[in-house]
Amino acid sequence: MTAAPPAVWSSLAARFAPLLDYPALFYAVRFLLVGRQRPTKERLRAVFAETTNRSVLDVCCGMGEFAGSVDARYVGLDMNARFIAHARR
């Protein structure tokens, strides 16, 4: 089996990337790829359980999925306005 040429992947990425600007669709695709990220969330909880008065800066936070996983001041940054609006809900 041969891999698709880079031009094919670039064409597919250009066609489908705009769809990932929609939070629900992005979340669904990411869920198919990596699941609910349970190990990452558990690790965050464990690290922050050992400390007090901490803050989290989540760069490229998307929908702020990790905000509920930490008992700390959480600040999320993302360039996608749709994701920020979704995170604020």
C-alpha atoms as a PDB file:
ATOM      1  CA  MET A   1       0.000   0.000   0.000  1.00  0.00           C
ATOM      2  CA  THR A   2       1.401   3.385  -0.967  1.00  0.00           C
ATOM      3  CA  ALA A   3       0.873   6.612   0.910  1.00  0.00           C
ATOM      4  CA  ALA A   4      -1.099   9.366  -0.750  1.00  0.00           C
ATOM      5  CA  PRO A   5       1.024  12.127  -2.284  1.00  0.00           C
ATOM      6  CA  PRO A   6       1.398  15.305  -0.195  1.00  0.00           C
ATOM      7  CA  ALA A   7      -0.717  17.232  -2.690  1.00  0.00           C
ATOM      8  CA  VAL A   8      -3.669  14.943  -1.953  1.00  0.00           C
ATOM      9  CA  TRP A   9      -3.351  15.544   1.801  1.00  0.00           C
ATOM     10  CA  SER A  10      -3.015  19.305   1.262  1.00  0.00           C
ATOM     11  CA  SER A  11      -6.132  19.324  -0.878  1.00  0.00           C
ATOM     12  CA  LEU A  12      -8.110  17.356   1.714  1.00  0.00           C
ATOM     13  CA  ALA A  13      -6.883  19.576   4.542  1.00  0.00           C
ATOM     14  CA  ALA A  14      -7.833  22.731   2.634  1.00  0.00           C
ATOM     15  CA  ARG A  15     -11.298  21.341   1.959  1.00  0.00           C
ATOM     16  CA  PHE A  16     -12.113  20.090   5.460  1.00  0.00           C
ATOM     17  CA  ALA A  17     -10.184  22.453   7.762  1.00  0.00           C
ATOM     18  CA  PRO A  18     -12.894  25.162   7.728  1.00  0.00           C
ATOM     19  CA  LEU A  19     -15.369  22.620   9.105  1.00  0.00           C
ATOM     20  CA  LEU A  20     -13.222  22.244  12.214  1.00  0.00           C
ATOM     21  CA  ASP A  21     -13.931  25.892  13.080  1.00  0.00           C
ATOM     22  CA  TYR A  22     -17.244  24.680  14.488  1.00  0.00           C
ATOM     23  CA  PRO A  23     -16.803  23.606  18.118  1.00  0.00           C
ATOM     24  CA  ALA A  24     -19.190  20.643  18.059  1.00  0.00           C
ATOM     25  CA  LEU A  25     -17.672  19.179  14.908  1.00  0.00           C
ATOM     26  CA  PHE A  26     -14.128  19.785  16.142  1.00  0.00           C
ATOM     27  CA  TYR A  27     -14.935  18.045  19.415  1.00  0.00           C
ATOM     28  CA  ALA A  28     -16.468  15.060  17.583  1.00  0.00           C
ATOM     29  CA  VAL A  29     -13.429  14.619  15.335  1.00  0.00           C
ATOM     30  CA  ARG A  30     -11.008  15.006  18.224  1.00  0.00           C
ATOM     31  CA  PHE A  31     -13.029  12.529  20.292  1.00  0.00           C
ATOM     32  CA  LEU A  32     -12.677   9.969  17.481  1.00  0.00           C
ATOM     33  CA  LEU A  33      -8.918  10.559  17.427  1.00  0.00           C
ATOM     34  CA  VAL A  34      -8.026  10.818  21.135  1.00  0.00           C
ATOM     35  CA  GLY A  35     -11.138  10.054  23.174  1.00  0.00           C
ATOM     36  CA  ARG A  36     -12.141  12.126  26.191  1.00  0.00           C
ATOM     37  CA  GLN A  37      -8.555  12.801  27.241  1.00  0.00           C
ATOM     38  CA  ARG A  38      -9.233  11.202  30.613  1.00  0.00           C
ATOM     39  CA  PRO A  39      -5.526  10.530  31.422  1.00  0.00           C
ATOM     40  CA  THR A  40      -4.658  14.190  30.788  1.00  0.00           C
ATOM     41  CA  LYS A  41      -7.507  15.423  32.977  1.00  0.00           C
ATOM     42  CA  GLU A  42      -6.595  12.992  35.766  1.00  0.00           C
ATOM     43  CA  ARG A  43      -2.964  14.126  35.640  1.00  0.00           C
ATOM     44  CA  LEU A  44      -4.027  17.782  35.857  1.00  0.00           C
ATOM     45  CA  ARG A  45      -6.208  17.017  38.884  1.00  0.00           C
ATOM     46  CA  ALA A  46      -3.336  15.159  40.561  1.00  0.00           C
ATOM     47  CA  VAL A  47      -0.807  17.938  39.969  1.00  0.00           C
ATOM     48  CA  PHE A  48      -3.130  20.658  41.220  1.00  0.00           C
ATOM     49  CA  ALA A  49      -4.269  18.620  44.218  1.00  0.00           C
ATOM     50  CA  GLU A  50      -0.712  18.860  45.551  1.00  0.00           C
ATOM     51  CA  THR A  51      -0.529  22.648  45.369  1.00  0.00           C
ATOM     52  CA  THR A  52      -2.486  25.728  46.395  1.00  0.00           C
ATOM     53  CA  ASN A  53      -2.949  29.194  44.935  1.00  0.00           C
ATOM     54  CA  ARG A  54      -2.089  28.108  41.401  1.00  0.00           C
ATOM     55  CA  SER A  55      -3.093  29.482  38.033  1.00  0.00           C
ATOM     56  CA  VAL A  56      -3.379  27.794  34.656  1.00  0.00           C
ATOM     57  CA  LEU A  57      -2.747  29.483  31.324  1.00  0.00           C
ATOM     58  CA  ASP A  58      -4.169  27.233  28.608  1.00  0.00           C
ATOM     59  CA  VAL A  59      -2.837  28.429  25.245  1.00  0.00           C
ATOM     60  CA  CYS A  60      -4.923  27.172  22.308  1.00  0.00           C
ATOM     61  CA  CYS A  61      -7.601  26.223  24.834  1.00  0.00           C
ATOM     62  CA  GLY A  62     -10.237  25.517  22.223  1.00  0.00           C
ATOM     63  CA  MET A  63     -13.493  25.208  24.128  1.00  0.00           C
ATOM     64  CA  GLY A  64     -11.806  25.338  27.535  1.00  0.00           C
ATOM     65  CA  GLU A  65     -12.285  21.632  28.094  1.00  0.00           C
ATOM     66  CA  PHE A  66      -9.649  21.463  30.847  1.00  0.00           C
ATOM     67  CA  ALA A  67     -11.103  24.341  32.900  1.00  0.00           C
ATOM     68  CA  GLY A  68     -13.257  21.987  34.947  1.00  0.00           C
ATOM     69  CA  SER A  69     -10.340  19.634  35.572  1.00  0.00           C
ATOM     70  CA  VAL A  70      -8.328  21.971  37.754  1.00  0.00           C
ATOM     71  CA  ASP A  71      -9.039  23.630  41.057  1.00  0.00           C
ATOM     72  CA  ALA A  72      -7.122  26.744  40.132  1.00  0.00           C
ATOM     73  CA  ARG A  73      -7.556  30.088  38.447  1.00  0.00           C
ATOM     74  CA  TYR A  74      -7.992  29.183  34.766  1.00  0.00           C
ATOM     75  CA  VAL A  75      -7.291  31.499  31.825  1.00  0.00           C
ATOM     76  CA  GLY A  76      -7.786  30.128  28.328  1.00  0.00           C
ATOM     77  CA  LEU A  77      -6.529  31.730  25.117  1.00  0.00           C
ATOM     78  CA  ASP A  78      -7.596  30.775  21.622  1.00  0.00           C
ATOM     79  CA  MET A  79      -7.631  32.574  18.291  1.00  0.00           C
ATOM     80  CA  ASN A  80     -10.943  31.008  17.216  1.00  0.00           C
ATOM     81  CA  ALA A  81     -13.781  33.295  18.305  1.00  0.00           C
ATOM     82  CA  ARG A  82     -16.340  30.470  17.986  1.00  0.00           C
ATOM     83  CA  PHE A  83     -14.404  28.349  20.444  1.00  0.00           C
ATOM     84  CA  ILE A  84     -14.091  31.196  22.941  1.00  0.00           C
ATOM     85  CA  ALA A  85     -17.827  31.910  22.696  1.00  0.00           C
ATOM     86  CA  HIS A  86     -18.552  28.225  23.285  1.00  0.00           C
ATOM     87  CA  ALA A  87     -16.163  28.118  26.268  1.00  0.00           C
ATOM     88  CA  ARG A  88     -17.861  31.092  27.900  1.00  0.00           C
ATOM     89  CA  ARG A  89     -21.214  29.286  28.043  1.00  0.00           C
END
